[in-house]
Amino acid sequence: MEPTIRLEETWKTALAPEFSSAYMGELKRFLLGEKNEGRQIFPRGSEYFRALDLTPLDKVRVVILGQDPYHGDGQAHGLCFSVRPGVRTPPSLVNIYKELRDDLGIPPARHGFLESWARQGVLLLNSVLTVERGRAASHQGRGWERFTDAVIRVINEQQQPVVFMLWGSYAQRKAAFVDQSRHLVLKAAHPSPLSAHSGFLGCRHFSKANDFLVSKGFDPIDWRLPETPELVDGL
């Protein structure tokens, strides 16, 4: 499967074997078939790889893993936990903002648009990159998990140390691909309202991530979000 949409060059090179694989060909046929049947897929095609486009491989400093995209109208735009400007902040992100406030004293943003994190080296990656409108987890088991496993392996192979924030058991499966002698793996419950009080709130992952980055000679992430989010590149 050759990418038919824009893909940032460092990722395009590193993931070339995946795009030429049989499973990605099957995934492409599945997605085309769904569209031909009139099913609406989120995010739109130009945003399937948005997380990779915004955070080049050699710039990755932190990885936050989600499960699959939001399945409501106007929400998903290719970054896990993030929603477009003007869309109500989802409950899981509300809890992420609560933890940021308690950990670093950052007041909760008035929006849920996280692109400024991505541009600083925070890869906001879902394990599954597409979903059918109104049907959560509808594209699980179609090949995306294998692709995002490859993304994690590629990051693991880089020389620079990276922080992996793995929230919930689904994300924590990806830890199997990470060399924890070089990278920092932080695990906690998922920020969903169903589980946030079981170990996410109070995890202090944001300060721990920055402490690790600084200890390795890198700039910390500025977790504050701009008051007025701006869409870029016409997306």
C-alpha atoms as a PDB file:
ATOM      1  CA  MET A   1       0.000   0.000   0.000  1.00  0.00           C
ATOM      2  CA  GLU A   2       1.565   3.257  -1.095  1.00  0.00           C
ATOM      3  CA  PRO A   3       0.319   6.245   0.882  1.00  0.00           C
ATOM      4  CA  THR A   4      -2.082   8.183  -1.323  1.00  0.00           C
ATOM      5  CA  ILE A   5      -2.018  11.188   0.981  1.00  0.00           C
ATOM      6  CA  ARG A   6       0.779  13.362   2.292  1.00  0.00           C
ATOM      7  CA  LEU A   7       3.057  11.676   4.800  1.00  0.00           C
ATOM      8  CA  GLU A   8       6.007  13.324   6.540  1.00  0.00           C
ATOM      9  CA  GLU A   9       9.248  12.098   4.942  1.00  0.00           C
ATOM     10  CA  THR A  10      11.022  10.611   7.963  1.00  0.00           C
ATOM     11  CA  TRP A  11       8.017   8.416   8.674  1.00  0.00           C
ATOM     12  CA  LYS A  12       7.440   7.594   5.021  1.00  0.00           C
ATOM     13  CA  THR A  13      10.981   6.232   4.802  1.00  0.00           C
ATOM     14  CA  ALA A  14      10.943   4.383   8.122  1.00  0.00           C
ATOM     15  CA  LEU A  15       7.542   2.791   7.500  1.00  0.00           C
ATOM     16  CA  ALA A  16       7.997   1.951   3.814  1.00  0.00           C
ATOM     17  CA  PRO A  17       7.969  -1.831   4.506  1.00  0.00           C
ATOM     18  CA  GLU A  18       4.576  -1.460   6.207  1.00  0.00           C
ATOM     19  CA  PHE A  19       3.014   0.449   3.332  1.00  0.00           C
ATOM     20  CA  SER A  20       4.148  -2.209   0.855  1.00  0.00           C
ATOM     21  CA  SER A  21       2.877  -5.091   3.007  1.00  0.00           C
ATOM     22  CA  ALA A  22      -0.075  -7.327   2.276  1.00  0.00           C
ATOM     23  CA  TYR A  23      -1.922  -6.385   5.456  1.00  0.00           C
ATOM     24  CA  MET A  24      -1.873  -2.692   4.570  1.00  0.00           C
ATOM     25  CA  GLY A  25      -3.226  -3.530   1.134  1.00  0.00           C
ATOM     26  CA  GLU A  26      -6.073  -5.397   2.803  1.00  0.00           C
ATOM     27  CA  LEU A  27      -6.689  -2.470   5.127  1.00  0.00           C
ATOM     28  CA  LYS A  28      -6.859  -0.057   2.212  1.00  0.00           C
ATOM     29  CA  ARG A  29      -9.371  -2.299   0.448  1.00  0.00           C
ATOM     30  CA  PHE A  30     -11.449  -2.498   3.612  1.00  0.00           C
ATOM     31  CA  LEU A  31     -11.561   1.288   3.990  1.00  0.00           C
ATOM     32  CA  LEU A  32     -12.462   1.813   0.320  1.00  0.00           C
ATOM     33  CA  GLY A  33     -15.167  -0.815   0.624  1.00  0.00           C
ATOM     34  CA  GLU A  34     -16.641   0.885   3.673  1.00  0.00           C
ATOM     35  CA  LYS A  35     -16.723   4.212   1.853  1.00  0.00           C
ATOM     36  CA  ASN A  36     -18.298   2.613  -1.209  1.00  0.00           C
ATOM     37  CA  GLU A  37     -21.024   1.222   1.047  1.00  0.00           C
ATOM     38  CA  GLY A  38     -21.782   4.767   2.137  1.00  0.00           C
ATOM     39  CA  ARG A  39     -20.338   4.491   5.613  1.00  0.00           C
ATOM     40  CA  GLN A  40     -18.765   7.623   7.037  1.00  0.00           C
ATOM     41  CA  ILE A  41     -15.224   7.192   8.376  1.00  0.00           C
ATOM     42  CA  PHE A  42     -13.497   9.440  10.900  1.00  0.00           C
ATOM     43  CA  PRO A  43     -11.135  11.213  10.669  1.00  0.00           C
ATOM     44  CA  ARG A  44     -11.134  12.216   7.032  1.00  0.00           C
ATOM     45  CA  GLY A  45      -8.556  10.589   4.787  1.00  0.00           C
ATOM     46  CA  SER A  46      -6.132  13.507   4.802  1.00  0.00           C
ATOM     47  CA  GLU A  47      -5.874  13.167   8.581  1.00  0.00           C
ATOM     48  CA  TYR A  48      -5.309   9.420   9.016  1.00  0.00           C
ATOM     49  CA  PHE A  49      -1.599  10.076   9.574  1.00  0.00           C
ATOM     50  CA  ARG A  50      -1.906  13.560  11.056  1.00  0.00           C
ATOM     51  CA  ALA A  51      -0.021  12.568  14.225  1.00  0.00           C
ATOM     52  CA  LEU A  52       2.957  11.459  12.127  1.00  0.00           C
ATOM     53  CA  ASP A  53       2.805  14.547   9.910  1.00  0.00           C
ATOM     54  CA  LEU A  54       2.991  16.915  12.893  1.00  0.00           C
ATOM     55  CA  THR A  55       5.680  15.037  14.826  1.00  0.00           C
ATOM     56  CA  PRO A  56       8.569  13.816  12.628  1.00  0.00           C
ATOM     57  CA  LEU A  57      10.348  10.670  13.769  1.00  0.00           C
ATOM     58  CA  ASP A  58      13.536  12.467  14.765  1.00  0.00           C
ATOM     59  CA  LYS A  59      11.548  15.008  16.819  1.00  0.00           C
ATOM     60  CA  VAL A  60       9.583  12.524  18.953  1.00  0.00           C
ATOM     61  CA  ARG A  61      10.193  13.126  22.660  1.00  0.00           C
ATOM     62  CA  VAL A  62       6.953  11.833  24.202  1.00  0.00           C
ATOM     63  CA  VAL A  63       4.431   9.272  22.976  1.00  0.00           C
ATOM     64  CA  ILE A  64       0.848   9.339  24.256  1.00  0.00           C
ATOM     65  CA  LEU A  65      -1.228   6.402  23.064  1.00  0.00           C
ATOM     66  CA  GLY A  66      -4.960   6.378  22.608  1.00  0.00           C
ATOM     67  CA  GLN A  67      -7.227   3.555  21.509  1.00  0.00           C
ATOM     68  CA  ASP A  68      -9.224   4.625  18.460  1.00  0.00           C
ATOM     69  CA  PRO A  69     -10.560   7.954  17.147  1.00  0.00           C
ATOM     70  CA  TYR A  70     -13.618   9.712  18.490  1.00  0.00           C
ATOM     71  CA  HIS A  71     -16.656   8.552  16.542  1.00  0.00           C
ATOM     72  CA  GLY A  72     -18.855  11.647  16.904  1.00  0.00           C
ATOM     73  CA  ASP A  73     -19.369  14.269  14.220  1.00  0.00           C
ATOM     74  CA  GLY A  74     -16.607  16.875  14.029  1.00  0.00           C
ATOM     75  CA  GLN A  75     -14.436  15.404  16.779  1.00  0.00           C
ATOM     76  CA  ALA A  76     -11.601  13.283  15.354  1.00  0.00           C
ATOM     77  CA  HIS A  77      -8.785  14.971  13.453  1.00  0.00           C
ATOM     78  CA  GLY A  78      -5.945  12.459  13.712  1.00  0.00           C
ATOM     79  CA  LEU A  79      -4.514  13.143  17.182  1.00  0.00           C
ATOM     80  CA  CYS A  80      -5.460  10.988  20.151  1.00  0.00           C
ATOM     81  CA  PHE A  81      -7.541  12.705  22.858  1.00  0.00           C
ATOM     82  CA  SER A  82      -7.656  15.909  20.770  1.00  0.00           C
ATOM     83  CA  VAL A  83     -10.721  17.502  19.170  1.00  0.00           C
ATOM     84  CA  ARG A  84     -11.111  20.329  16.712  1.00  0.00           C
ATOM     85  CA  PRO A  85     -11.546  23.924  17.908  1.00  0.00           C
ATOM     86  CA  GLY A  86     -15.138  24.643  18.846  1.00  0.00           C
ATOM     87  CA  VAL A  87     -15.872  21.036  19.801  1.00  0.00           C
ATOM     88  CA  ARG A  88     -16.759  20.326  23.425  1.00  0.00           C
ATOM     89  CA  THR A  89     -13.817  18.918  25.393  1.00  0.00           C
ATOM     90  CA  PRO A  90     -14.399  15.159  25.851  1.00  0.00           C
ATOM     91  CA  PRO A  91     -14.519  13.689  29.387  1.00  0.00           C
ATOM     92  CA  SER A  92     -11.155  11.891  29.149  1.00  0.00           C
ATOM     93  CA  LEU A  93      -9.441  15.110  28.109  1.00  0.00           C
ATOM     94  CA  VAL A  94     -11.161  16.961  30.948  1.00  0.00           C
ATOM     95  CA  ASN A  95      -9.436  14.530  33.315  1.00  0.00           C
ATOM     96  CA  ILE A  96      -6.104  15.000  31.527  1.00  0.00           C
ATOM     97  CA  TYR A  97      -6.480  18.744  32.132  1.00  0.00           C
ATOM     98  CA  LYS A  98      -7.276  18.078  35.822  1.00  0.00           C
ATOM     99  CA  GLU A  99      -4.044  16.104  36.144  1.00  0.00           C
ATOM    100  CA  LEU A 100      -2.089  18.863  34.399  1.00  0.00           C
ATOM    101  CA  ARG A 101      -3.527  21.368  36.876  1.00  0.00           C
ATOM    102  CA  ASP A 102      -2.690  19.228  39.902  1.00  0.00           C
ATOM    103  CA  ASP A 103       0.737  18.186  38.580  1.00  0.00           C
ATOM    104  CA  LEU A 104       2.070  21.394  37.041  1.00  0.00           C
ATOM    105  CA  GLY A 105      -0.405  24.075  38.070  1.00  0.00           C
ATOM    106  CA  ILE A 106      -1.617  24.590  34.486  1.00  0.00           C
ATOM    107  CA  PRO A 107      -5.205  25.866  34.352  1.00  0.00           C
ATOM    108  CA  PRO A 108      -7.514  23.721  32.178  1.00  0.00           C
ATOM    109  CA  ALA A 109      -7.672  24.924  28.578  1.00  0.00           C
ATOM    110  CA  ARG A 110     -10.981  26.170  27.242  1.00  0.00           C
ATOM    111  CA  HIS A 111     -10.655  23.930  24.194  1.00  0.00           C
ATOM    112  CA  GLY A 112      -9.484  20.423  23.353  1.00  0.00           C
ATOM    113  CA  PHE A 113      -7.144  21.112  20.441  1.00  0.00           C
ATOM    114  CA  LEU A 114      -3.728  19.591  21.200  1.00  0.00           C
ATOM    115  CA  GLU A 115      -1.703  20.378  18.075  1.00  0.00           C
ATOM    116  CA  SER A 116       0.725  22.576  20.007  1.00  0.00           C
ATOM    117  CA  TRP A 117       1.821  19.485  21.956  1.00  0.00           C
ATOM    118  CA  ALA A 118       2.359  17.557  18.732  1.00  0.00           C
ATOM    119  CA  ARG A 119       4.530  20.321  17.302  1.00  0.00           C
ATOM    120  CA  GLN A 120       6.809  20.099  20.342  1.00  0.00           C
ATOM    121  CA  GLY A 121       7.503  16.403  19.894  1.00  0.00           C
ATOM    122  CA  VAL A 122       4.531  14.759  21.585  1.00  0.00           C
ATOM    123  CA  LEU A 123       3.304  11.989  19.285  1.00  0.00           C
ATOM    124  CA  LEU A 124      -0.443  11.743  19.894  1.00  0.00           C
ATOM    125  CA  LEU A 125      -1.015   8.329  18.392  1.00  0.00           C
ATOM    126  CA  ASN A 126      -4.115   6.175  18.413  1.00  0.00           C
ATOM    127  CA  SER A 127      -3.595   2.408  18.153  1.00  0.00           C
ATOM    128  CA  VAL A 128      -6.336   2.297  15.510  1.00  0.00           C
ATOM    129  CA  LEU A 129      -6.386   5.245  13.119  1.00  0.00           C
ATOM    130  CA  THR A 130      -9.950   5.138  11.781  1.00  0.00           C
ATOM    131  CA  VAL A 131     -13.472   4.464  13.002  1.00  0.00           C
ATOM    132  CA  GLU A 132     -16.965   4.368  11.535  1.00  0.00           C
ATOM    133  CA  ARG A 133     -19.242   7.231  12.517  1.00  0.00           C
ATOM    134  CA  GLY A 134     -21.195   6.356  15.634  1.00  0.00           C
ATOM    135  CA  ARG A 135     -19.565   2.936  16.107  1.00  0.00           C
ATOM    136  CA  ALA A 136     -16.763   2.894  18.670  1.00  0.00           C
ATOM    137  CA  ALA A 137     -13.966   0.377  18.016  1.00  0.00           C
ATOM    138  CA  SER A 138     -15.520  -0.574  14.665  1.00  0.00           C
ATOM    139  CA  HIS A 139     -12.147  -0.733  12.861  1.00  0.00           C
ATOM    140  CA  GLN A 140     -10.241  -2.703  15.464  1.00  0.00           C
ATOM    141  CA  GLY A 141      -8.657  -5.897  14.181  1.00  0.00           C
ATOM    142  CA  ARG A 142      -8.394  -4.665  10.580  1.00  0.00           C
ATOM    143  CA  GLY A 143      -4.634  -4.028  10.526  1.00  0.00           C
ATOM    144  CA  TRP A 144      -4.105  -0.655  12.147  1.00  0.00           C
ATOM    145  CA  GLU A 145      -2.791  -2.233  15.347  1.00  0.00           C
ATOM    146  CA  ARG A 146      -0.025  -3.949  13.394  1.00  0.00           C
ATOM    147  CA  PHE A 147       0.863  -0.657  11.745  1.00  0.00           C
ATOM    148  CA  THR A 148       1.040   1.261  15.027  1.00  0.00           C
ATOM    149  CA  ASP A 149       3.068  -1.555  16.582  1.00  0.00           C
ATOM    150  CA  ALA A 150       5.565  -0.850  13.810  1.00  0.00           C
ATOM    151  CA  VAL A 151       5.496   2.865  14.663  1.00  0.00           C
ATOM    152  CA  ILE A 152       6.403   2.073  18.272  1.00  0.00           C
ATOM    153  CA  ARG A 153       9.184  -0.293  17.193  1.00  0.00           C
ATOM    154  CA  VAL A 154      10.657   2.362  14.903  1.00  0.00           C
ATOM    155  CA  ILE A 155      10.633   4.922  17.721  1.00  0.00           C
ATOM    156  CA  ASN A 156      12.220   2.393  20.073  1.00  0.00           C
ATOM    157  CA  GLU A 157      15.100   1.913  17.619  1.00  0.00           C
ATOM    158  CA  GLN A 158      16.016   5.601  17.599  1.00  0.00           C
ATOM    159  CA  GLN A 159      19.031   6.772  19.572  1.00  0.00           C
ATOM    160  CA  GLN A 160      17.280   9.553  21.452  1.00  0.00           C
ATOM    161  CA  PRO A 161      15.439   8.587  24.655  1.00  0.00           C
ATOM    162  CA  VAL A 162      11.656   8.911  24.563  1.00  0.00           C
ATOM    163  CA  VAL A 163       8.930   8.979  27.208  1.00  0.00           C
ATOM    164  CA  PHE A 164       5.996   6.617  26.626  1.00  0.00           C
ATOM    165  CA  MET A 165       2.800   7.532  28.490  1.00  0.00           C
ATOM    166  CA  LEU A 166       0.646   4.410  28.476  1.00  0.00           C
ATOM    167  CA  TRP A 167      -2.786   4.959  29.964  1.00  0.00           C
ATOM    168  CA  GLY A 168      -4.992   1.912  30.398  1.00  0.00           C
ATOM    169  CA  SER A 169      -4.393  -1.747  29.611  1.00  0.00           C
ATOM    170  CA  TYR A 170      -4.950  -1.342  25.874  1.00  0.00           C
ATOM    171  CA  ALA A 171      -2.128   1.192  25.508  1.00  0.00           C
ATOM    172  CA  GLN A 172       0.124  -0.680  27.909  1.00  0.00           C
ATOM    173  CA  ARG A 173       0.333  -3.643  25.539  1.00  0.00           C
ATOM    174  CA  LYS A 174       2.637  -1.504  23.392  1.00  0.00           C
ATOM    175  CA  ALA A 175       5.245  -1.541  26.168  1.00  0.00           C
ATOM    176  CA  ALA A 176       6.339  -4.930  24.829  1.00  0.00           C
ATOM    177  CA  PHE A 177       8.050  -3.089  21.946  1.00  0.00           C
ATOM    178  CA  VAL A 178       9.958  -0.630  24.157  1.00  0.00           C
ATOM    179  CA  ASP A 179      13.466  -1.030  25.554  1.00  0.00           C
ATOM    180  CA  GLN A 180      12.910   0.292  29.064  1.00  0.00           C
ATOM    181  CA  SER A 181      16.629   0.479  29.745  1.00  0.00           C
ATOM    182  CA  ARG A 182      16.812   3.442  27.327  1.00  0.00           C
ATOM    183  CA  HIS A 183      13.317   4.880  27.305  1.00  0.00           C
ATOM    184  CA  LEU A 184      10.970   5.882  30.120  1.00  0.00           C
ATOM    185  CA  VAL A 185       7.659   4.005  30.253  1.00  0.00           C
ATOM    186  CA  LEU A 186       4.983   5.578  32.455  1.00  0.00           C
ATOM    187  CA  LYS A 187       1.855   3.517  33.121  1.00  0.00           C
ATOM    188  CA  ALA A 188      -1.436   4.587  34.670  1.00  0.00           C
ATOM    189  CA  ALA A 189      -5.146   3.945  34.441  1.00  0.00           C
ATOM    190  CA  HIS A 190      -7.007   5.420  31.478  1.00  0.00           C
ATOM    191  CA  PRO A 191      -8.240   9.018  31.974  1.00  0.00           C
ATOM    192  CA  SER A 192     -11.806   7.979  31.156  1.00  0.00           C
ATOM    193  CA  PRO A 193     -14.313   8.913  33.887  1.00  0.00           C
ATOM    194  CA  LEU A 194     -14.785   5.163  34.420  1.00  0.00           C
ATOM    195  CA  SER A 195     -11.177   4.657  35.505  1.00  0.00           C
ATOM    196  CA  ALA A 196      -9.454   7.997  36.099  1.00  0.00           C
ATOM    197  CA  HIS A 197      -9.851   7.745  39.881  1.00  0.00           C
ATOM    198  CA  SER A 198      -8.200   4.294  39.833  1.00  0.00           C
ATOM    199  CA  GLY A 199      -4.705   5.606  39.221  1.00  0.00           C
ATOM    200  CA  PHE A 200      -4.694   8.232  36.485  1.00  0.00           C
ATOM    201  CA  LEU A 201      -5.452  11.250  38.635  1.00  0.00           C
ATOM    202  CA  GLY A 202      -2.365  11.783  40.750  1.00  0.00           C
ATOM    203  CA  CYS A 203       0.001   9.907  38.401  1.00  0.00           C
ATOM    204  CA  ARG A 204       2.160  13.030  37.826  1.00  0.00           C
ATOM    205  CA  HIS A 205       3.158  11.806  34.375  1.00  0.00           C
ATOM    206  CA  PHE A 206       3.614  15.286  32.926  1.00  0.00           C
ATOM    207  CA  SER A 207       6.214  16.405  35.464  1.00  0.00           C
ATOM    208  CA  LYS A 208       7.904  12.995  35.384  1.00  0.00           C
ATOM    209  CA  ALA A 209       8.167  13.219  31.590  1.00  0.00           C
ATOM    210  CA  ASN A 210       9.717  16.677  31.739  1.00  0.00           C
ATOM    211  CA  ASP A 211      12.141  15.674  34.498  1.00  0.00           C
ATOM    212  CA  PHE A 212      13.314  12.762  32.357  1.00  0.00           C
ATOM    213  CA  LEU A 213      13.735  14.896  29.240  1.00  0.00           C
ATOM    214  CA  VAL A 214      15.715  17.538  31.095  1.00  0.00           C
ATOM    215  CA  SER A 215      17.917  14.846  32.658  1.00  0.00           C
ATOM    216  CA  LYS A 216      18.784  13.693  29.128  1.00  0.00           C
ATOM    217  CA  GLY A 217      19.635  17.187  27.917  1.00  0.00           C
ATOM    218  CA  PHE A 218      16.368  17.994  26.115  1.00  0.00           C
ATOM    219  CA  ASP A 219      13.977  20.887  26.581  1.00  0.00           C
ATOM    220  CA  PRO A 220      10.866  20.095  28.616  1.00  0.00           C
ATOM    221  CA  ILE A 221       7.472  20.057  26.943  1.00  0.00           C
ATOM    222  CA  ASP A 222       5.408  23.201  27.456  1.00  0.00           C
ATOM    223  CA  TRP A 223       2.096  21.549  28.324  1.00  0.00           C
ATOM    224  CA  ARG A 224       0.218  24.848  28.338  1.00  0.00           C
ATOM    225  CA  LEU A 225      -2.123  25.274  25.397  1.00  0.00           C
ATOM    226  CA  PRO A 226      -2.685  28.558  23.541  1.00  0.00           C
ATOM    227  CA  GLU A 227      -5.851  30.357  24.561  1.00  0.00           C
ATOM    228  CA  THR A 228      -6.957  30.591  20.938  1.00  0.00           C
ATOM    229  CA  PRO A 229      -6.231  27.406  18.956  1.00  0.00           C
ATOM    230  CA  GLU A 230      -5.416  27.771  15.297  1.00  0.00           C
ATOM    231  CA  LEU A 231      -5.936  25.266  12.524  1.00  0.00           C
ATOM    232  CA  VAL A 232      -2.970  25.063  10.145  1.00  0.00           C
ATOM    233  CA  ASP A 233      -2.335  23.800   6.644  1.00  0.00           C
ATOM    234  CA  GLY A 234      -5.990  24.236   5.834  1.00  0.00           C
ATOM    235  CA  LEU A 235      -6.915  21.234   8.001  1.00  0.00           C
END
